[in-house]
PDB file of N, CA and C in Angstrom:
ATOM      1  N   MET A   1     -83.808-148.043-211.572  1.00  0.00           N
ATOM      2  CA  MET A   1     -82.851-148.990-211.033  1.00  0.00           C
ATOM      3  C   MET A   1     -81.488-148.297-210.965  1.00  0.00           C
ATOM      4  N   LYS A   2     -80.865-148.320-209.797  1.00  0.00           N
ATOM      5  CA  LYS A   2     -79.606-147.619-209.594  1.00  0.00           C
ATOM      6  C   LYS A   2     -78.385-148.489-209.863  1.00  0.00           C
ATOM      7  N   ILE A   3     -78.591-149.762-210.134  1.00  0.00           N
ATOM      8  CA  ILE A   3     -77.476-150.675-210.393  1.00  0.00           C
ATOM      9  C   ILE A   3     -77.229-150.753-211.888  1.00  0.00           C
ATOM     10  N   LYS A   4     -75.971-150.590-212.275  1.00  0.00           N
ATOM     11  CA  LYS A   4     -75.574-150.589-213.683  1.00  0.00           C
ATOM     12  C   LYS A   4     -74.652-151.769-213.965  1.00  0.00           C
ATOM     13  N   VAL A   5     -74.393-152.028-215.246  1.00  0.00           N
ATOM     14  CA  VAL A   5     -73.471-153.077-215.650  1.00  0.00           C
ATOM     15  C   VAL A   5     -72.068-152.701-215.183  1.00  0.00           C
ATOM     16  N   GLY A   6     -71.383-153.658-214.569  1.00  0.00           N
ATOM     17  CA  GLY A   6     -70.033-153.425-214.078  1.00  0.00           C
ATOM     18  C   GLY A   6     -69.949-153.071-212.607  1.00  0.00           C
ATOM     19  N   ASP A   7     -71.078-152.799-211.964  1.00  0.00           N
ATOM     20  CA  ASP A   7     -71.072-152.476-210.539  1.00  0.00           C
ATOM     21  C   ASP A   7     -70.755-153.721-209.715  1.00  0.00           C
ATOM     22  N   ASN A   8     -70.085-153.527-208.597  1.00  0.00           N
ATOM     23  CA  ASN A   8     -69.802-154.600-207.668  1.00  0.00           C
ATOM     24  C   ASN A   8     -70.947-154.666-206.665  1.00  0.00           C
ATOM     25  N   VAL A   9     -71.602-155.833-206.555  1.00  0.00           N
ATOM     26  CA  VAL A   9     -72.777-155.961-205.692  1.00  0.00           C
ATOM     27  C   VAL A   9     -72.613-157.135-204.731  1.00  0.00           C
ATOM     28  N   LYS A  10     -73.384-157.086-203.647  1.00  0.00           N
ATOM     29  CA  LYS A  10     -73.426-158.159-202.659  1.00  0.00           C
ATOM     30  C   LYS A  10     -74.848-158.691-202.597  1.00  0.00           C
ATOM     31  N   ILE A  11     -74.999-160.005-202.539  1.00  0.00           N
ATOM     32  CA  ILE A  11     -76.317-160.633-202.449  1.00  0.00           C
ATOM     33  C   ILE A  11     -76.769-160.579-200.995  1.00  0.00           C
ATOM     34  N   ILE A  12     -77.977-160.040-200.760  1.00  0.00           N
ATOM     35  CA  ILE A  12     -78.461-159.874-199.390  1.00  0.00           C
ATOM     36  C   ILE A  12     -79.609-160.817-199.042  1.00  0.00           C
ATOM     37  N   ALA A  13     -80.088-161.606-200.022  1.00  0.00           N
ATOM     38  CA  ALA A  13     -81.168-162.549-199.742  1.00  0.00           C
ATOM     39  C   ALA A  13     -81.093-163.714-200.716  1.00  0.00           C
ATOM     40  N   GLY A  14     -81.584-164.859-200.287  1.00  0.00           N
ATOM     41  CA  GLY A  14     -81.631-166.018-201.166  1.00  0.00           C
ATOM     42  C   GLY A  14     -80.551-167.039-200.841  1.00  0.00           C
ATOM     43  N   LYS A  15     -80.406-168.041-201.717  1.00  0.00           N
ATOM     44  CA  LYS A  15     -79.480-169.144-201.451  1.00  0.00           C
ATOM     45  C   LYS A  15     -78.018-168.721-201.528  1.00  0.00           C
ATOM     46  N   ASP A  16     -77.714-167.629-202.216  1.00  0.00           N
ATOM     47  CA  ASP A  16     -76.344-167.153-202.360  1.00  0.00           C
ATOM     48  C   ASP A  16     -76.058-165.941-201.477  1.00  0.00           C
ATOM     49  N   LYS A  17     -76.760-165.822-200.368  1.00  0.00           N
ATOM     50  CA  LYS A  17     -76.623-164.664-199.482  1.00  0.00           C
ATOM     51  C   LYS A  17     -75.181-164.534-199.000  1.00  0.00           C
ATOM     52  N   GLY A  18     -74.651-163.297-199.112  1.00  0.00           N
ATOM     53  CA  GLY A  18     -73.297-163.023-198.658  1.00  0.00           C
ATOM     54  C   GLY A  18     -72.253-163.037-199.755  1.00  0.00           C
ATOM     55  N   LYS A  19     -72.575-163.586-200.919  1.00  0.00           N
ATOM     56  CA  LYS A  19     -71.621-163.630-202.020  1.00  0.00           C
ATOM     57  C   LYS A  19     -71.568-162.273-202.722  1.00  0.00           C
ATOM     58  N   THR A  20     -70.437-162.011-203.366  1.00  0.00           N
ATOM     59  CA  THR A  20     -70.279-160.770-204.108  1.00  0.00           C
ATOM     60  C   THR A  20     -69.885-161.088-205.542  1.00  0.00           C
ATOM     61  N   GLY A  21     -70.131-160.132-206.431  1.00  0.00           N
ATOM     62  CA  GLY A  21     -69.772-160.302-207.833  1.00  0.00           C
ATOM     63  C   GLY A  21     -70.087-159.050-208.627  1.00  0.00           C
ATOM     64  N   ASN A  22     -69.691-159.071-209.893  1.00  0.00           N
ATOM     65  CA  ASN A  22     -69.943-157.942-210.783  1.00  0.00           C
ATOM     66  C   ASN A  22     -71.191-158.196-211.615  1.00  0.00           C
ATOM     67  N   VAL A  23     -71.921-157.131-211.909  1.00  0.00           N
ATOM     68  CA  VAL A  23     -73.138-157.233-212.709  1.00  0.00           C
ATOM     69  C   VAL A  23     -72.746-157.391-214.179  1.00  0.00           C
ATOM     70  N   ILE A  24     -73.262-158.438-214.816  1.00  0.00           N
ATOM     71  CA  ILE A  24     -72.989-158.705-216.232  1.00  0.00           C
ATOM     72  C   ILE A  24     -74.048-158.075-217.117  1.00  0.00           C
ATOM     73  N   LYS A  25     -75.308-158.197-216.675  1.00  0.00           N
ATOM     74  CA  LYS A  25     -76.427-157.763-217.509  1.00  0.00           C
ATOM     75  C   LYS A  25     -77.545-157.244-216.617  1.00  0.00           C
ATOM     76  N   THR A  26     -78.253-156.202-217.086  1.00  0.00           N
ATOM     77  CA  THR A  26     -79.423-155.702-216.369  1.00  0.00           C
ATOM     78  C   THR A  26     -80.654-155.858-217.251  1.00  0.00           C
ATOM     79  N   MET A  27     -81.772-156.202-216.633  1.00  0.00           N
ATOM     80  CA  MET A  27     -83.045-156.344-217.328  1.00  0.00           C
ATOM     81  C   MET A  27     -84.030-155.394-216.654  1.00  0.00           C
ATOM     82  N   LYS A  28     -84.107-154.173-217.159  1.00  0.00           N
ATOM     83  CA  LYS A  28     -84.876-153.128-216.497  1.00  0.00           C
ATOM     84  C   LYS A  28     -86.379-153.375-216.522  1.00  0.00           C
ATOM     85  N   LYS A  29     -86.894-153.984-217.573  1.00  0.00           N
ATOM     86  CA  LYS A  29     -88.350-154.199-217.670  1.00  0.00           C
ATOM     87  C   LYS A  29     -88.860-155.162-216.610  1.00  0.00           C
ATOM     88  N   ILE A  30     -88.047-156.149-216.246  1.00  0.00           N
ATOM     89  CA  ILE A  30     -88.489-157.126-215.255  1.00  0.00           C
ATOM     90  C   ILE A  30     -87.742-156.979-213.927  1.00  0.00           C
ATOM     91  N   ASP A  31     -86.941-155.902-213.766  1.00  0.00           N
ATOM     92  CA  ASP A  31     -86.221-155.590-212.529  1.00  0.00           C
ATOM     93  C   ASP A  31     -85.335-156.734-212.054  1.00  0.00           C
ATOM     94  N   LYS A  32     -84.509-157.268-212.956  1.00  0.00           N
ATOM     95  CA  LYS A  32     -83.584-158.330-212.594  1.00  0.00           C
ATOM     96  C   LYS A  32     -82.196-158.019-213.115  1.00  0.00           C
ATOM     97  N   VAL A  33     -81.188-158.597-212.470  1.00  0.00           N
ATOM     98  CA  VAL A  33     -79.800-158.448-212.891  1.00  0.00           C
ATOM     99  C   VAL A  33     -79.136-159.827-212.908  1.00  0.00           C
ATOM    100  N   VAL A  34     -78.105-159.965-213.749  1.00  0.00           N
ATOM    101  CA  VAL A  34     -77.311-161.184-213.788  1.00  0.00           C
ATOM    102  C   VAL A  34     -75.957-160.844-213.194  1.00  0.00           C
ATOM    103  N   VAL A  35     -75.584-161.578-212.137  1.00  0.00           N
ATOM    104  CA  VAL A  35     -74.323-161.336-211.437  1.00  0.00           C
ATOM    105  C   VAL A  35     -73.388-162.505-211.724  1.00  0.00           C
ATOM    106  N   ASP A  36     -72.136-162.191-212.018  1.00  0.00           N
ATOM    107  CA  ASP A  36     -71.139-163.195-212.368  1.00  0.00           C
ATOM    108  C   ASP A  36     -70.849-164.121-211.186  1.00  0.00           C
ATOM    109  N   GLY A  37     -71.027-165.426-211.378  1.00  0.00           N
ATOM    110  CA  GLY A  37     -70.713-166.418-210.357  1.00  0.00           C
ATOM    111  C   GLY A  37     -71.756-166.588-209.273  1.00  0.00           C
ATOM    112  N   VAL A  38     -72.933-166.008-209.438  1.00  0.00           N
ATOM    113  CA  VAL A  38     -73.989-166.096-208.431  1.00  0.00           C
ATOM    114  C   VAL A  38     -75.246-166.660-209.091  1.00  0.00           C
ATOM    115  N   ASN A  39     -76.020-167.419-208.331  1.00  0.00           N
ATOM    116  CA  ASN A  39     -77.261-168.028-208.805  1.00  0.00           C
ATOM    117  C   ASN A  39     -76.989-168.934-210.008  1.00  0.00           C
ATOM    118  N   ILE A  40     -76.053-169.869-209.844  1.00  0.00           N
ATOM    119  CA  ILE A  40     -75.672-170.797-210.898  1.00  0.00           C
ATOM    120  C   ILE A  40     -76.755-171.871-211.038  1.00  0.00           C
ATOM    121  N   VAL A  41     -77.221-172.076-212.269  1.00  0.00           N
ATOM    122  CA  VAL A  41     -78.203-173.111-212.567  1.00  0.00           C
ATOM    123  C   VAL A  41     -77.656-174.003-213.670  1.00  0.00           C
ATOM    124  N   LYS A  42     -78.155-175.231-213.727  1.00  0.00           N
ATOM    125  CA  LYS A  42     -77.739-176.163-214.767  1.00  0.00           C
ATOM    126  C   LYS A  42     -78.811-176.203-215.845  1.00  0.00           C
ATOM    127  N   LYS A  43     -78.379-176.136-217.097  1.00  0.00           N
ATOM    128  CA  LYS A  43     -79.307-176.127-218.223  1.00  0.00           C
ATOM    129  C   LYS A  43     -78.957-177.291-219.148  1.00  0.00           C
ATOM    130  N   HIS A  44     -79.962-178.070-219.512  1.00  0.00           N
ATOM    131  CA  HIS A  44     -79.759-179.190-220.429  1.00  0.00           C
ATOM    132  C   HIS A  44     -79.918-178.679-221.849  1.00  0.00           C
ATOM    133  N   GLN A  45     -78.920-178.971-222.705  1.00  0.00           N
ATOM    134  CA  GLN A  45     -78.980-178.517-224.086  1.00  0.00           C
ATOM    135  C   GLN A  45     -78.830-179.675-225.044  1.00  0.00           C
ATOM    136  N   LYS A  46     -79.653-179.633-226.086  1.00  0.00           N
ATOM    137  CA  LYS A  46     -79.534-180.627-227.147  1.00  0.00           C
ATOM    138  C   LYS A  46     -78.364-180.269-228.051  1.00  0.00           C
ATOM    139  N   PRO A  47     -77.794-181.258-228.731  1.00  0.00           N
ATOM    140  CA  PRO A  47     -76.736-180.943-229.699  1.00  0.00           C
ATOM    141  C   PRO A  47     -77.275-180.095-230.853  1.00  0.00           C
ATOM    142  N   THR A  48     -76.521-179.051-231.218  1.00  0.00           N
ATOM    143  CA  THR A  48     -76.890-178.190-232.341  1.00  0.00           C
ATOM    144  C   THR A  48     -75.655-177.998-233.218  1.00  0.00           C
ATOM    145  N   ASN A  49     -75.805-177.202-234.259  1.00  0.00           N
ATOM    146  CA  ASN A  49     -74.652-176.935-235.117  1.00  0.00           C
ATOM    147  C   ASN A  49     -73.552-176.182-234.364  1.00  0.00           C
ATOM    148  N   GLY A  50     -73.932-175.287-233.474  1.00  0.00           N
ATOM    149  CA  GLY A  50     -72.950-174.526-232.698  1.00  0.00           C
ATOM    150  C   GLY A  50     -72.336-175.349-231.579  1.00  0.00           C
ATOM    151  N   ASN A  51     -73.124-176.215-230.971  1.00  0.00           N
ATOM    152  CA  ASN A  51     -72.661-177.055-229.867  1.00  0.00           C
ATOM    153  C   ASN A  51     -72.891-178.508-230.265  1.00  0.00           C
ATOM    154  N   GLN A  52     -71.878-179.148-230.798  1.00  0.00           N
ATOM    155  CA  GLN A  52     -72.031-180.508-231.346  1.00  0.00           C
ATOM    156  C   GLN A  52     -72.335-181.550-230.271  1.00  0.00           C
ATOM    157  N   ASN A  53     -71.779-181.396-229.077  1.00  0.00           N
ATOM    158  CA  ASN A  53     -71.954-182.405-228.044  1.00  0.00           C
ATOM    159  C   ASN A  53     -73.227-182.228-227.236  1.00  0.00           C
ATOM    160  N   GLY A  54     -73.654-181.008-227.025  1.00  0.00           N
ATOM    161  CA  GLY A  54     -74.803-180.781-226.150  1.00  0.00           C
ATOM    162  C   GLY A  54     -74.396-181.057-224.715  1.00  0.00           C
ATOM    163  N   GLY A  55     -75.344-181.501-223.884  1.00  0.00           N
ATOM    164  CA  GLY A  55     -75.045-181.849-222.499  1.00  0.00           C
ATOM    165  C   GLY A  55     -75.595-180.842-221.510  1.00  0.00           C
ATOM    166  N   ILE A  56     -75.039-180.892-220.312  1.00  0.00           N
ATOM    167  CA  ILE A  56     -75.488-180.035-219.219  1.00  0.00           C
ATOM    168  C   ILE A  56     -74.475-178.911-219.059  1.00  0.00           C
ATOM    169  N   ILE A  57     -74.947-177.669-219.150  1.00  0.00           N
ATOM    170  CA  ILE A  57     -74.062-176.517-218.982  1.00  0.00           C
ATOM    171  C   ILE A  57     -74.513-175.720-217.757  1.00  0.00           C
ATOM    172  N   GLU A  58     -73.556-175.070-217.110  1.00  0.00           N
ATOM    173  CA  GLU A  58     -73.875-174.227-215.961  1.00  0.00           C
ATOM    174  C   GLU A  58     -73.843-172.771-216.396  1.00  0.00           C
ATOM    175  N   MET A  59     -74.834-171.998-215.947  1.00  0.00           N
ATOM    176  CA  MET A  59     -74.924-170.596-216.314  1.00  0.00           C
ATOM    177  C   MET A  59     -75.469-169.784-215.149  1.00  0.00           C
ATOM    178  N   SER A  60     -75.203-168.484-215.164  1.00  0.00           N
ATOM    179  CA  SER A  60     -75.734-167.595-214.133  1.00  0.00           C
ATOM    180  C   SER A  60     -77.145-167.170-214.518  1.00  0.00           C
ATOM    181  N   ALA A  61     -78.088-167.345-213.603  1.00  0.00           N
ATOM    182  CA  ALA A  61     -79.480-166.967-213.846  1.00  0.00           C
ATOM    183  C   ALA A  61     -79.727-165.580-213.248  1.00  0.00           C
ATOM    184  N   PRO A  62     -80.754-164.880-213.743  1.00  0.00           N
ATOM    185  CA  PRO A  62     -81.065-163.549-213.198  1.00  0.00           C
ATOM    186  C   PRO A  62     -81.555-163.625-211.754  1.00  0.00           C
ATOM    187  N   ILE A  63     -81.288-162.564-211.017  1.00  0.00           N
ATOM    188  CA  ILE A  63     -81.738-162.439-209.635  1.00  0.00           C
ATOM    189  C   ILE A  63     -82.421-161.081-209.499  1.00  0.00           C
ATOM    190  N   HIS A  64     -83.447-161.001-208.675  1.00  0.00           N
ATOM    191  CA  HIS A  64     -84.210-159.765-208.550  1.00  0.00           C
ATOM    192  C   HIS A  64     -83.341-158.668-207.947  1.00  0.00           C
ATOM    193  N   VAL A  65     -83.538-157.463-208.425  1.00  0.00           N
ATOM    194  CA  VAL A  65     -82.700-156.334-208.021  1.00  0.00           C
ATOM    195  C   VAL A  65     -82.872-155.986-206.540  1.00  0.00           C
ATOM    196  N   SER A  66     -83.981-156.356-205.937  1.00  0.00           N
ATOM    197  CA  SER A  66     -84.183-156.070-204.514  1.00  0.00           C
ATOM    198  C   SER A  66     -83.331-156.975-203.630  1.00  0.00           C
ATOM    199  N   ASN A  67     -82.777-158.041-204.193  1.00  0.00           N
ATOM    200  CA  ASN A  67     -81.956-158.970-203.426  1.00  0.00           C
ATOM    201  C   ASN A  67     -80.467-158.675-203.524  1.00  0.00           C
ATOM    202  N   VAL A  68     -80.101-157.579-204.185  1.00  0.00           N
ATOM    203  CA  VAL A  68     -78.699-157.208-204.284  1.00  0.00           C
ATOM    204  C   VAL A  68     -78.483-155.815-203.714  1.00  0.00           C
ATOM    205  N   LYS A  69     -77.253-155.575-203.244  1.00  0.00           N
ATOM    206  CA  LYS A  69     -76.900-154.282-202.663  1.00  0.00           C
ATOM    207  C   LYS A  69     -75.579-153.847-203.276  1.00  0.00           C
ATOM    208  N   LYS A  70     -75.539-152.617-203.755  1.00  0.00           N
ATOM    209  CA  LYS A  70     -74.332-152.086-204.362  1.00  0.00           C
ATOM    210  C   LYS A  70     -73.273-151.868-203.286  1.00  0.00           C
ATOM    211  N   ILE A  71     -72.047-152.337-203.561  1.00  0.00           N
ATOM    212  CA  ILE A  71     -70.943-152.181-202.623  1.00  0.00           C
ATOM    213  C   ILE A  71     -70.151-150.953-203.018  1.00  0.00           C
ATOM    214  N   ASP A  72     -69.918-150.088-202.041  1.00  0.00           N
ATOM    215  CA  ASP A  72     -69.127-148.887-202.272  1.00  0.00           C
ATOM    216  C   ASP A  72     -67.680-149.193-201.902  1.00  0.00           C
ATOM    217  N   GLU A  73     -66.784-149.115-202.881  1.00  0.00           N
ATOM    218  CA  GLU A  73     -65.379-149.429-202.654  1.00  0.00           C
ATOM    219  C   GLU A  73     -64.731-148.467-201.666  1.00  0.00           C
ATOM    220  N   LYS A  74     -65.147-147.217-201.655  1.00  0.00           N
ATOM    221  CA  LYS A  74     -64.572-146.225-200.753  1.00  0.00           C
ATOM    222  C   LYS A  74     -64.912-146.555-199.300  1.00  0.00           C
ATOM    223  N   ALA A  75     -66.103-147.054-199.068  1.00  0.00           N
ATOM    224  CA  ALA A  75     -66.527-147.349-197.703  1.00  0.00           C
ATOM    225  C   ALA A  75     -65.775-148.556-197.141  1.00  0.00           C
ATOM    226  N   LYS A  76     -65.298-149.451-197.998  1.00  0.00           N
ATOM    227  CA  LYS A  76     -64.572-150.627-197.544  1.00  0.00           C
ATOM    228  C   LYS A  76     -63.239-150.250-196.908  1.00  0.00           C
ATOM    229  N   THR A  77     -62.567-149.257-197.463  1.00  0.00           N
ATOM    230  CA  THR A  77     -61.217-148.941-197.024  1.00  0.00           C
ATOM    231  C   THR A  77     -61.179-148.026-195.811  1.00  0.00           C
ATOM    232  N   THR A  78     -62.249-147.318-195.537  1.00  0.00           N
ATOM    233  CA  THR A  78     -62.235-146.390-194.402  1.00  0.00           C
ATOM    234  C   THR A  78     -62.564-147.128-193.109  1.00  0.00           C
ATOM    235  N   LYS A  79     -61.975-146.657-192.028  1.00  0.00           N
ATOM    236  CA  LYS A  79     -62.229-147.267-190.729  1.00  0.00           C
ATOM    237  C   LYS A  79     -63.207-146.409-189.943  1.00  0.00           C
ATOM    238  N   LYS A  80     -64.015-147.043-189.159  1.00  0.00           N
ATOM    239  CA  LYS A  80     -64.962-146.350-188.318  1.00  0.00           C
ATOM    240  C   LYS A  80     -64.354-146.238-186.929  1.00  0.00           C
ATOM    241  N   THR A  81     -64.299-145.048-186.410  1.00  0.00           N
ATOM    242  CA  THR A  81     -63.769-144.864-185.060  1.00  0.00           C
ATOM    243  C   THR A  81     -64.850-144.295-184.176  1.00  0.00           C
ATOM    244  N   SER A  82     -64.833-144.710-182.951  1.00  0.00           N
ATOM    245  CA  SER A  82     -65.825-144.199-182.005  1.00  0.00           C
ATOM    246  C   SER A  82     -65.101-143.646-180.790  1.00  0.00           C
ATOM    247  N   LYS A  83     -65.611-142.586-180.256  1.00  0.00           N
ATOM    248  CA  LYS A  83     -65.026-141.965-179.074  1.00  0.00           C
ATOM    249  C   LYS A  83     -65.886-142.299-177.865  1.00  0.00           C
ATOM    250  N   LYS A  84     -65.197-142.678-176.825  1.00  0.00           N
ATOM    251  CA  LYS A  84     -65.910-142.948-175.583  1.00  0.00           C
ATOM    252  C   LYS A  84     -65.709-141.759-174.661  1.00  0.00           C
ATOM    253  N   GLU A  85     -66.789-141.267-174.149  1.00  0.00           N
ATOM    254  CA  GLU A  85     -66.698-140.156-173.210  1.00  0.00           C
ATOM    255  C   GLU A  85     -66.483-140.708-171.813  1.00  0.00           C
ATOM    256  N   GLU A  86     -65.503-140.145-171.153  1.00  0.00           N
ATOM    257  CA  GLU A  86     -65.220-140.600-169.793  1.00  0.00           C
ATOM    258  C   GLU A  86     -66.211-139.967-168.826  1.00  0.00           C
ATOM    259  N   LYS A  87     -66.759-140.768-167.969  1.00  0.00           N
ATOM    260  CA  LYS A  87     -67.695-140.260-166.972  1.00  0.00           C
ATOM    261  C   LYS A  87     -66.912-139.829-165.738  1.00  0.00           C
ATOM    262  N   LYS A  88     -67.190-138.660-165.282  1.00  0.00           N
ATOM    263  CA  LYS A  88     -66.514-138.139-164.091  1.00  0.00           C
ATOM    264  C   LYS A  88     -67.337-138.483-162.853  1.00  0.00           C
ATOM    265  N   ASP A  89     -66.654-139.132-161.927  1.00  0.00           N
ATOM    266  CA  ASP A  89     -67.337-139.460-160.670  1.00  0.00           C
ATOM    267  C   ASP A  89     -67.257-138.255-159.739  1.00  0.00           C
ATOM    268  N   GLU A  90     -68.342-137.895-159.147  1.00  0.00           N
ATOM    269  CA  GLU A  90     -68.372-136.757-158.230  1.00  0.00           C
ATOM    270  C   GLU A  90     -68.574-137.187-156.826  1.00  0.00           C
TER     271      GLU A  90
END
Protein backbone atom coordinates (compact mmCIF):
# COMPACT_ATOMS: atom_id res chain seq x y z
CA MET A 1 0.00 0.00 0.00
CA LYS A 2 1.52 3.31 -1.09
CA ILE A 3 -0.71 5.52 1.06
CA LYS A 4 0.66 6.49 4.47
CA VAL A 5 -0.71 8.31 7.52
CA GLY A 6 -0.81 12.05 6.89
CA ASP A 7 -1.10 11.85 3.09
CA ASN A 8 -3.65 14.07 1.38
CA VAL A 9 -6.06 11.89 -0.64
CA LYS A 10 -9.10 12.32 -2.88
CA ILE A 11 -12.06 9.91 -2.89
CA ILE A 12 -12.61 8.55 -6.41
CA ALA A 13 -15.56 6.20 -5.79
CA GLY A 14 -18.52 5.82 -3.47
CA LYS A 15 -20.95 8.19 -1.77
CA ASP A 16 -18.21 10.72 -0.91
CA LYS A 17 -16.73 10.88 -4.42
CA GLY A 18 -14.77 14.08 -5.01
CA LYS A 19 -14.07 14.89 -1.36
CA THR A 20 -10.54 15.29 -0.06
CA GLY A 21 -8.96 14.76 3.35
CA ASN A 22 -5.95 13.54 5.29
CA VAL A 23 -5.38 9.90 6.18
CA ILE A 24 -5.75 9.32 9.94
CA LYS A 25 -5.18 5.58 10.11
CA THR A 26 -4.15 2.74 7.78
CA MET A 27 -5.20 -0.90 8.12
CA LYS A 28 -2.76 -2.84 5.95
CA LYS A 29 -4.13 -6.33 6.65
CA ILE A 30 -7.58 -5.48 5.32
CA ASP A 31 -6.45 -2.80 2.78
CA LYS A 32 -8.49 0.05 4.26
CA VAL A 33 -7.77 3.62 5.36
CA VAL A 34 -9.61 6.11 7.57
CA VAL A 35 -9.82 9.60 6.06
CA ASP A 36 -10.68 12.64 8.18
CA GLY A 37 -14.19 13.96 7.43
CA VAL A 38 -15.07 11.28 4.86
CA ASN A 39 -17.42 8.29 5.14
CA ILE A 40 -19.13 9.61 8.29
CA VAL A 41 -21.34 7.05 10.04
CA LYS A 42 -23.50 7.30 13.14
CA LYS A 43 -22.81 4.91 16.01
CA HIS A 44 -25.17 4.28 18.93
CA GLN A 45 -23.36 4.01 22.26
CA LYS A 46 -24.60 2.95 25.65
CA PRO A 47 -23.64 5.01 28.69
CA THR A 48 -20.34 3.84 30.22
CA ASN A 49 -17.95 5.12 32.86
CA GLY A 50 -16.03 7.07 30.21
CA ASN A 51 -19.14 8.39 28.45
CA GLN A 52 -21.85 9.04 31.05
CA ASN A 53 -24.54 10.20 28.61
CA GLY A 54 -24.09 7.76 25.75
CA GLY A 55 -26.16 8.60 22.66
CA ILE A 56 -25.46 8.79 18.96
CA ILE A 57 -21.94 9.78 17.92
CA GLU A 58 -20.59 10.46 14.44
CA MET A 59 -17.28 8.91 13.39
CA SER A 60 -15.23 8.33 10.25
CA ALA A 61 -15.45 4.73 9.01
CA PRO A 62 -12.73 2.96 7.00
CA ILE A 63 -12.81 3.09 3.21
CA HIS A 64 -11.09 0.67 0.84
CA VAL A 65 -7.71 1.83 -0.42
CA SER A 66 -8.73 1.28 -4.06
CA ASN A 67 -11.33 4.05 -3.68
CA VAL A 68 -8.79 6.73 -2.77
CA LYS A 69 -6.14 8.51 -4.83
CA LYS A 70 -3.10 10.27 -3.42
CA ILE A 71 -3.01 13.97 -4.30
CA ASP A 72 0.35 15.39 -5.29
CA GLU A 73 0.68 18.96 -3.99
CA LYS A 74 3.32 19.82 -6.60
CA ALA A 75 1.03 18.87 -9.47
CA LYS A 76 -1.71 21.19 -8.17
CA THR A 77 0.39 24.33 -8.49
CA THR A 78 1.86 23.72 -11.94
CA LYS A 79 0.01 24.78 -15.05
CA LYS A 80 -0.34 22.66 -18.14
CA THR A 81 0.39 24.46 -21.38
CA SER A 82 -0.24 23.20 -24.85
CA LYS A 83 1.20 24.44 -28.10
CA LYS A 84 -0.87 24.61 -31.20
CA GLU A 85 0.94 24.12 -34.45
CA GLU A 86 -0.14 26.47 -37.16
CA LYS A 87 -1.10 24.79 -40.39
CA LYS A 88 0.33 26.40 -43.49
CA ASP A 89 -2.03 26.65 -46.41
CA GLU A 90 -0.37 25.95 -49.74
